[in-house]
Amino acid sequence: MFPNKKVQKLVGSKIQVEMKGDQHILEGTLKSVDDYLNLHLMDATEILDGERLRSLGSVVLRGNNVILIIPVED
């Protein structure tokens, strides 16, 4: 299965995203994803060492900067 199909199945779910060059993890609800794996997260928060630093609201993440996408179990 192609990665973008797998990620598209996560739309509406809570995920964590690790970005290039950043030690922070972003967590939020995946609103949409495109063929380039650009992600639109709603209610995003920034996490460092398990501690929530700040609320970011709605964010768009460029696909070529995404390293890892982790589904969050509720």
N, C-alpha and C. Protein backbone atom coordinates (compact mmCIF):
# COMPACT_ATOMS: atom_id res chain seq x y z
N MET A 1 0.84 -1.17 0.00
CA MET A 1 0.00 0.00 0.00
C MET A 1 0.89 1.24 0.00
N PHE A 2 0.51 2.26 -0.77
CA PHE A 2 1.28 3.49 -0.85
C PHE A 2 1.11 4.31 0.42
N PRO A 3 2.16 5.03 0.84
CA PRO A 3 2.07 5.80 2.09
C PRO A 3 0.94 6.82 2.10
N ASN A 4 0.68 7.48 0.96
CA ASN A 4 -0.37 8.51 0.98
C ASN A 4 -1.76 7.88 1.18
N LYS A 5 -1.99 6.67 0.70
CA LYS A 5 -3.27 5.99 0.93
C LYS A 5 -3.43 5.63 2.41
N LYS A 6 -2.34 5.21 3.01
CA LYS A 6 -2.36 4.85 4.43
C LYS A 6 -2.63 6.09 5.29
N VAL A 7 -2.01 7.21 4.94
CA VAL A 7 -2.21 8.45 5.69
C VAL A 7 -3.63 8.98 5.46
N GLN A 8 -4.16 8.84 4.26
CA GLN A 8 -5.52 9.31 3.99
C GLN A 8 -6.55 8.58 4.85
N LYS A 9 -6.26 7.34 5.25
CA LYS A 9 -7.15 6.60 6.13
C LYS A 9 -7.17 7.19 7.54
N LEU A 10 -6.17 8.01 7.86
CA LEU A 10 -6.08 8.63 9.19
C LEU A 10 -6.84 9.95 9.30
N VAL A 11 -7.42 10.43 8.19
CA VAL A 11 -8.16 11.70 8.22
C VAL A 11 -9.29 11.58 9.25
N GLY A 12 -9.36 12.58 10.12
CA GLY A 12 -10.34 12.58 11.20
C GLY A 12 -9.80 12.01 12.50
N SER A 13 -8.59 11.42 12.45
CA SER A 13 -7.97 10.83 13.64
C SER A 13 -6.94 11.78 14.22
N LYS A 14 -6.61 11.55 15.49
CA LYS A 14 -5.56 12.31 16.15
C LYS A 14 -4.22 11.67 15.81
N ILE A 15 -3.24 12.51 15.40
CA ILE A 15 -1.91 12.01 15.04
C ILE A 15 -0.84 12.88 15.68
N GLN A 16 0.37 12.34 15.74
CA GLN A 16 1.57 13.10 16.11
C GLN A 16 2.48 13.13 14.90
N VAL A 17 3.14 14.28 14.69
CA VAL A 17 4.01 14.45 13.53
C VAL A 17 5.37 14.95 13.98
N GLU A 18 6.43 14.26 13.54
CA GLU A 18 7.79 14.70 13.78
C GLU A 18 8.29 15.38 12.50
N MET A 19 8.85 16.58 12.65
CA MET A 19 9.30 17.36 11.51
C MET A 19 10.83 17.38 11.44
N LYS A 20 11.38 17.64 10.24
CA LYS A 20 12.82 17.78 10.05
C LYS A 20 13.35 18.96 10.88
N GLY A 21 14.55 18.78 11.43
CA GLY A 21 15.24 19.87 12.10
C GLY A 21 14.55 20.39 13.34
N ASP A 22 13.67 19.62 13.93
CA ASP A 22 12.92 20.08 15.08
C ASP A 22 12.83 18.96 16.10
N GLN A 23 13.07 19.29 17.36
CA GLN A 23 12.96 18.27 18.40
C GLN A 23 11.54 18.20 18.95
N HIS A 24 10.69 19.12 18.52
CA HIS A 24 9.32 19.17 19.00
C HIS A 24 8.46 18.24 18.14
N ILE A 25 7.39 17.75 18.75
CA ILE A 25 6.41 16.93 18.04
C ILE A 25 5.11 17.73 18.02
N LEU A 26 4.43 17.69 16.91
CA LEU A 26 3.13 18.34 16.80
C LEU A 26 2.04 17.28 16.88
N GLU A 27 1.00 17.57 17.66
CA GLU A 27 -0.13 16.65 17.79
C GLU A 27 -1.41 17.38 17.47
N GLY A 28 -2.27 16.74 16.70
CA GLY A 28 -3.55 17.35 16.35
C GLY A 28 -4.40 16.38 15.56
N THR A 29 -5.57 16.84 15.19
CA THR A 29 -6.50 16.04 14.40
C THR A 29 -6.24 16.29 12.92
N LEU A 30 -5.99 15.21 12.18
CA LEU A 30 -5.71 15.32 10.75
C LEU A 30 -7.00 15.67 10.01
N LYS A 31 -7.02 16.85 9.43
CA LYS A 31 -8.21 17.33 8.71
C LYS A 31 -8.17 16.92 7.24
N SER A 32 -6.96 17.03 6.62
CA SER A 32 -6.84 16.63 5.21
C SER A 32 -5.38 16.36 4.88
N VAL A 33 -5.18 15.65 3.78
CA VAL A 33 -3.84 15.32 3.27
C VAL A 33 -3.93 15.28 1.75
N ASP A 34 -2.85 15.67 1.07
CA ASP A 34 -2.85 15.60 -0.39
C ASP A 34 -1.80 14.60 -0.88
N ASP A 35 -1.62 14.53 -2.19
CA ASP A 35 -0.70 13.55 -2.78
C ASP A 35 0.76 13.80 -2.42
N TYR A 36 1.09 15.01 -1.99
CA TYR A 36 2.47 15.34 -1.59
C TYR A 36 2.67 15.17 -0.09
N LEU A 37 1.68 14.62 0.59
CA LEU A 37 1.66 14.42 2.04
C LEU A 37 1.73 15.73 2.82
N ASN A 38 1.25 16.83 2.20
CA ASN A 38 1.03 18.05 2.97
C ASN A 38 -0.13 17.76 3.91
N LEU A 39 0.02 18.13 5.18
CA LEU A 39 -0.97 17.79 6.19
C LEU A 39 -1.64 19.05 6.73
N HIS A 40 -2.94 18.99 6.96
CA HIS A 40 -3.68 20.06 7.62
C HIS A 40 -4.15 19.51 8.96
N LEU A 41 -3.61 20.08 10.06
CA LEU A 41 -3.97 19.65 11.41
C LEU A 41 -4.84 20.70 12.07
N MET A 42 -5.86 20.24 12.77
CA MET A 42 -6.72 21.12 13.57
C MET A 42 -6.38 20.89 15.04
N ASP A 43 -6.55 21.92 15.85
CA ASP A 43 -6.30 21.85 17.30
C ASP A 43 -4.90 21.32 17.59
N ALA A 44 -3.91 21.80 16.83
CA ALA A 44 -2.53 21.32 16.97
C ALA A 44 -1.89 21.89 18.24
N THR A 45 -1.09 21.05 18.88
CA THR A 45 -0.30 21.48 20.03
C THR A 45 1.13 21.04 19.83
N GLU A 46 2.05 21.78 20.42
CA GLU A 46 3.47 21.50 20.32
C GLU A 46 3.90 20.75 21.58
N ILE A 47 4.62 19.64 21.41
CA ILE A 47 5.03 18.80 22.54
C ILE A 47 6.55 18.66 22.53
N LEU A 48 7.17 18.83 23.71
CA LEU A 48 8.61 18.64 23.88
C LEU A 48 8.82 17.81 25.14
N ASP A 49 9.47 16.67 25.02
CA ASP A 49 9.74 15.76 26.13
C ASP A 49 8.47 15.39 26.90
N GLY A 50 7.38 15.15 26.16
CA GLY A 50 6.13 14.73 26.76
C GLY A 50 5.32 15.85 27.39
N GLU A 51 5.82 17.08 27.35
CA GLU A 51 5.13 18.22 27.94
C GLU A 51 4.54 19.10 26.84
N ARG A 52 3.27 19.44 26.97
CA ARG A 52 2.62 20.30 25.99
C ARG A 52 3.07 21.74 26.21
N LEU A 53 3.70 22.32 25.17
CA LEU A 53 4.25 23.67 25.30
C LEU A 53 3.23 24.75 24.98
N ARG A 54 2.60 24.64 23.82
CA ARG A 54 1.64 25.68 23.42
C ARG A 54 0.65 25.12 22.41
N SER A 55 -0.48 25.80 22.34
CA SER A 55 -1.52 25.45 21.39
C SER A 55 -1.31 26.26 20.12
N LEU A 56 -1.37 25.61 18.97
CA LEU A 56 -1.12 26.28 17.69
C LEU A 56 -2.39 26.47 16.87
N GLY A 57 -3.46 25.76 17.21
CA GLY A 57 -4.69 25.87 16.43
C GLY A 57 -4.61 25.09 15.13
N SER A 58 -4.97 25.74 14.03
CA SER A 58 -4.95 25.11 12.71
C SER A 58 -3.60 25.35 12.04
N VAL A 59 -2.93 24.27 11.59
CA VAL A 59 -1.63 24.41 10.92
C VAL A 59 -1.59 23.55 9.66
N VAL A 60 -0.80 23.99 8.70
CA VAL A 60 -0.54 23.22 7.49
C VAL A 60 0.95 22.87 7.49
N LEU A 61 1.26 21.59 7.35
CA LEU A 61 2.64 21.11 7.37
C LEU A 61 3.03 20.65 5.97
N ARG A 62 4.14 21.15 5.50
CA ARG A 62 4.62 20.78 4.16
C ARG A 62 5.15 19.35 4.17
N GLY A 63 4.71 18.56 3.23
CA GLY A 63 5.01 17.13 3.20
C GLY A 63 6.49 16.78 3.16
N ASN A 64 7.32 17.59 2.48
CA ASN A 64 8.74 17.22 2.38
C ASN A 64 9.49 17.49 3.68
N ASN A 65 8.85 18.10 4.67
CA ASN A 65 9.48 18.32 5.98
C ASN A 65 9.02 17.33 7.03
N VAL A 66 8.10 16.45 6.67
CA VAL A 66 7.58 15.46 7.62
C VAL A 66 8.50 14.25 7.65
N ILE A 67 8.91 13.84 8.86
CA ILE A 67 9.74 12.66 9.02
C ILE A 67 8.89 11.44 9.41
N LEU A 68 7.98 11.67 10.36
CA LEU A 68 7.25 10.54 10.95
C LEU A 68 5.83 10.95 11.30
N ILE A 69 4.86 10.09 11.00
CA ILE A 69 3.46 10.31 11.36
C ILE A 69 3.05 9.14 12.26
N ILE A 70 2.57 9.48 13.46
CA ILE A 70 2.21 8.46 14.45
C ILE A 70 0.73 8.60 14.81
N PRO A 71 -0.09 7.57 14.57
CA PRO A 71 -1.49 7.64 15.03
C PRO A 71 -1.52 7.60 16.55
N VAL A 72 -2.41 8.38 17.16
CA VAL A 72 -2.53 8.44 18.62
C VAL A 72 -3.75 7.64 19.03
N GLU A 73 -3.53 6.71 19.97
CA GLU A 73 -4.63 5.91 20.52
C GLU A 73 -5.32 6.73 21.58
N ASP A 74 -6.65 6.82 21.51
CA ASP A 74 -7.40 7.57 22.53
C ASP A 74 -7.73 6.71 23.73
